[in-house]
Protein backbone atom coordinates (compact mmCIF):
# COMPACT_ATOMS: atom_id res chain seq x y z
CA MET A 1 20.38 -10.87 -34.61
CA HIS A 2 17.65 -8.36 -35.40
CA GLU A 3 18.64 -6.63 -32.06
CA LEU A 4 21.57 -5.10 -33.88
CA SER A 5 19.37 -3.19 -36.31
CA VAL A 6 16.95 -2.33 -33.46
CA THR A 7 19.83 -1.03 -31.35
CA GLU A 8 21.25 1.06 -34.23
CA SER A 9 17.82 2.60 -34.69
CA LEU A 10 17.65 3.27 -30.96
CA LEU A 11 21.02 4.99 -31.04
CA ALA A 12 19.94 7.15 -34.00
CA ILE A 13 16.74 8.23 -32.08
CA VAL A 14 18.70 8.93 -28.89
CA ILE A 15 21.37 11.03 -30.63
CA GLN A 16 18.71 12.99 -32.66
CA SER A 17 16.83 13.73 -29.39
CA ALA A 18 20.06 14.77 -27.62
CA LYS A 19 20.98 17.16 -30.38
CA GLU A 20 17.48 18.72 -30.46
CA ASN A 21 17.65 19.24 -26.68
CA HIS A 22 21.27 20.64 -26.76
CA ALA A 23 22.59 17.82 -24.56
CA LEU A 24 26.14 17.50 -23.43
CA LYS A 25 25.68 13.79 -22.47
CA VAL A 26 22.96 11.13 -22.52
CA THR A 27 22.94 9.47 -19.07
CA ASP A 28 19.85 7.15 -19.03
CA ILE A 29 17.41 5.60 -21.46
CA THR A 30 14.21 3.92 -20.51
CA LEU A 31 12.72 1.39 -22.96
CA SER A 32 9.44 -0.48 -23.05
CA ILE A 33 9.53 -3.92 -24.63
CA GLY A 34 6.59 -6.13 -25.13
CA ALA A 35 6.75 -9.81 -24.17
CA LEU A 36 5.87 -10.74 -27.76
CA SER A 37 8.40 -8.56 -29.43
CA SER A 38 11.10 -11.21 -29.44
CA ILE A 39 13.70 -8.56 -28.45
CA ILE A 40 16.19 -9.72 -25.87
CA ASP A 41 17.33 -7.18 -23.31
CA ASP A 42 20.83 -8.67 -22.95
CA SER A 43 21.33 -8.59 -26.72
CA VAL A 44 20.32 -4.95 -26.94
CA GLN A 45 22.59 -4.13 -24.02
CA PHE A 46 25.57 -5.99 -25.67
CA TYR A 47 25.11 -4.14 -29.01
CA TRP A 48 24.45 -0.88 -27.18
CA ASP A 49 27.77 -1.13 -25.35
CA HIS A 50 29.63 -1.51 -28.59
CA ILE A 51 27.84 0.85 -31.12
CA SER A 52 27.41 3.77 -28.61
CA LYS A 53 31.20 4.01 -28.09
CA GLY A 54 32.55 7.47 -29.10
CA THR A 55 29.04 9.05 -29.11
CA ILE A 56 27.20 11.35 -26.81
CA ALA A 57 25.33 8.35 -25.52
CA GLU A 58 28.37 6.30 -24.61
CA GLU A 59 27.89 4.73 -21.14
CA ALA A 60 24.21 5.70 -20.94
CA ILE A 61 22.37 3.27 -18.71
CA LEU A 62 19.60 1.28 -20.44
CA HIS A 63 16.50 0.60 -18.29
CA PHE A 64 14.17 -2.06 -19.56
CA ASN A 65 10.47 -2.23 -18.74
CA ARG A 66 8.86 -5.44 -19.88
CA ILE A 67 5.19 -5.19 -20.97
CA PRO A 68 3.19 -8.37 -20.49
CA ALA A 69 1.15 -9.89 -23.38
CA VAL A 70 -2.52 -9.04 -22.81
CA LEU A 71 -4.95 -10.75 -25.09
CA HIS A 72 -8.70 -10.23 -25.80
CA CYS A 73 -11.06 -13.08 -26.83
CA LEU A 74 -13.25 -11.89 -29.65
CA ASN A 75 -15.86 -14.66 -28.91
CA CYS A 76 -16.54 -14.14 -25.19
CA ASP A 77 -14.96 -10.76 -24.52
CA THR A 78 -12.54 -12.10 -21.94
CA GLU A 79 -9.23 -10.29 -21.41
CA PHE A 80 -6.32 -12.37 -20.15
CA THR A 81 -2.54 -12.23 -19.79
CA MET A 82 -0.42 -14.67 -21.67
CA GLU A 83 2.00 -16.38 -19.30
CA ASP A 84 4.47 -18.44 -21.39
CA GLU A 85 3.12 -19.37 -24.78
CA LEU A 86 0.11 -18.55 -26.84
CA VAL A 87 -2.91 -20.43 -25.52
CA PRO A 88 -6.62 -20.40 -26.29
CA CYS A 89 -8.98 -18.22 -24.24
CA PRO A 90 -9.04 -19.64 -20.65
CA ASN A 91 -12.86 -18.91 -20.53
CA CYS A 92 -14.23 -20.39 -23.78
CA LYS A 93 -11.14 -22.07 -25.35
CA SER A 94 -11.45 -20.00 -28.53
CA ILE A 95 -8.43 -19.14 -30.62
CA ASN A 96 -10.17 -16.08 -31.98
CA ILE A 97 -8.03 -13.58 -30.03
CA GLU A 98 -6.46 -10.21 -30.59
CA ILE A 99 -3.34 -8.80 -29.01
CA ILE A 100 -3.93 -5.73 -26.83
CA THR A 101 -0.40 -5.28 -25.47
CA GLY A 102 2.94 -7.17 -25.75
CA GLU A 103 4.30 -6.12 -29.16
CA GLU A 104 5.76 -2.77 -28.03
CA PHE A 105 9.21 -1.54 -28.46
CA GLN A 106 9.57 2.12 -27.66
CA VAL A 107 11.74 4.72 -26.01
CA ASP A 108 9.89 6.12 -23.01
CA HIS A 109 12.46 8.55 -21.64
CA ILE A 110 15.89 9.84 -22.46
CA GLU A 111 17.73 11.53 -19.60
CA ILE A 112 20.38 14.09 -20.64
CA ARG A 113 22.87 16.40 -19.09
CA LYS A 114 22.88 19.87 -20.47
CA GLU A 115 25.95 21.98 -20.70
CA GLU A 116 24.63 25.30 -19.32
CA ASN A 117 23.84 24.17 -15.78
CA ASN A 118 25.11 20.54 -15.74
CA THR A 119 21.72 19.21 -14.53
CA ASP A 120 19.91 16.19 -15.70
CA GLU A 121 16.80 16.57 -17.73
CA THR A 122 14.29 13.92 -19.08
CA THR A 123 12.86 13.96 -22.57
CA SER A 124 9.99 11.78 -23.75
């Protein structure tokens, strides 16, 4: 259920960026979501379809980039990708690990249509 509050925050960011860039319409939004973030793409899309109605971002297409979980073993300096569940280091079996990537949730790009020339533009 936390996807609702995340999606509400996303909408606020998108609308603010659209206003700052004098947008007529938001057409596309690219998101990066880490594998460990516990955010479900379909849930974000579901909430987006409902809460964006009547806004400048209504019908904007959401694009999801999934970022894999990459871990670093602090004992043997091995870097590895987590496949399904948290596991010890494949090299030394230590659980003394740190997360390098996989917890992200960010807006990478917002594509807008501007009134003056009706062309698309990307903001980051």
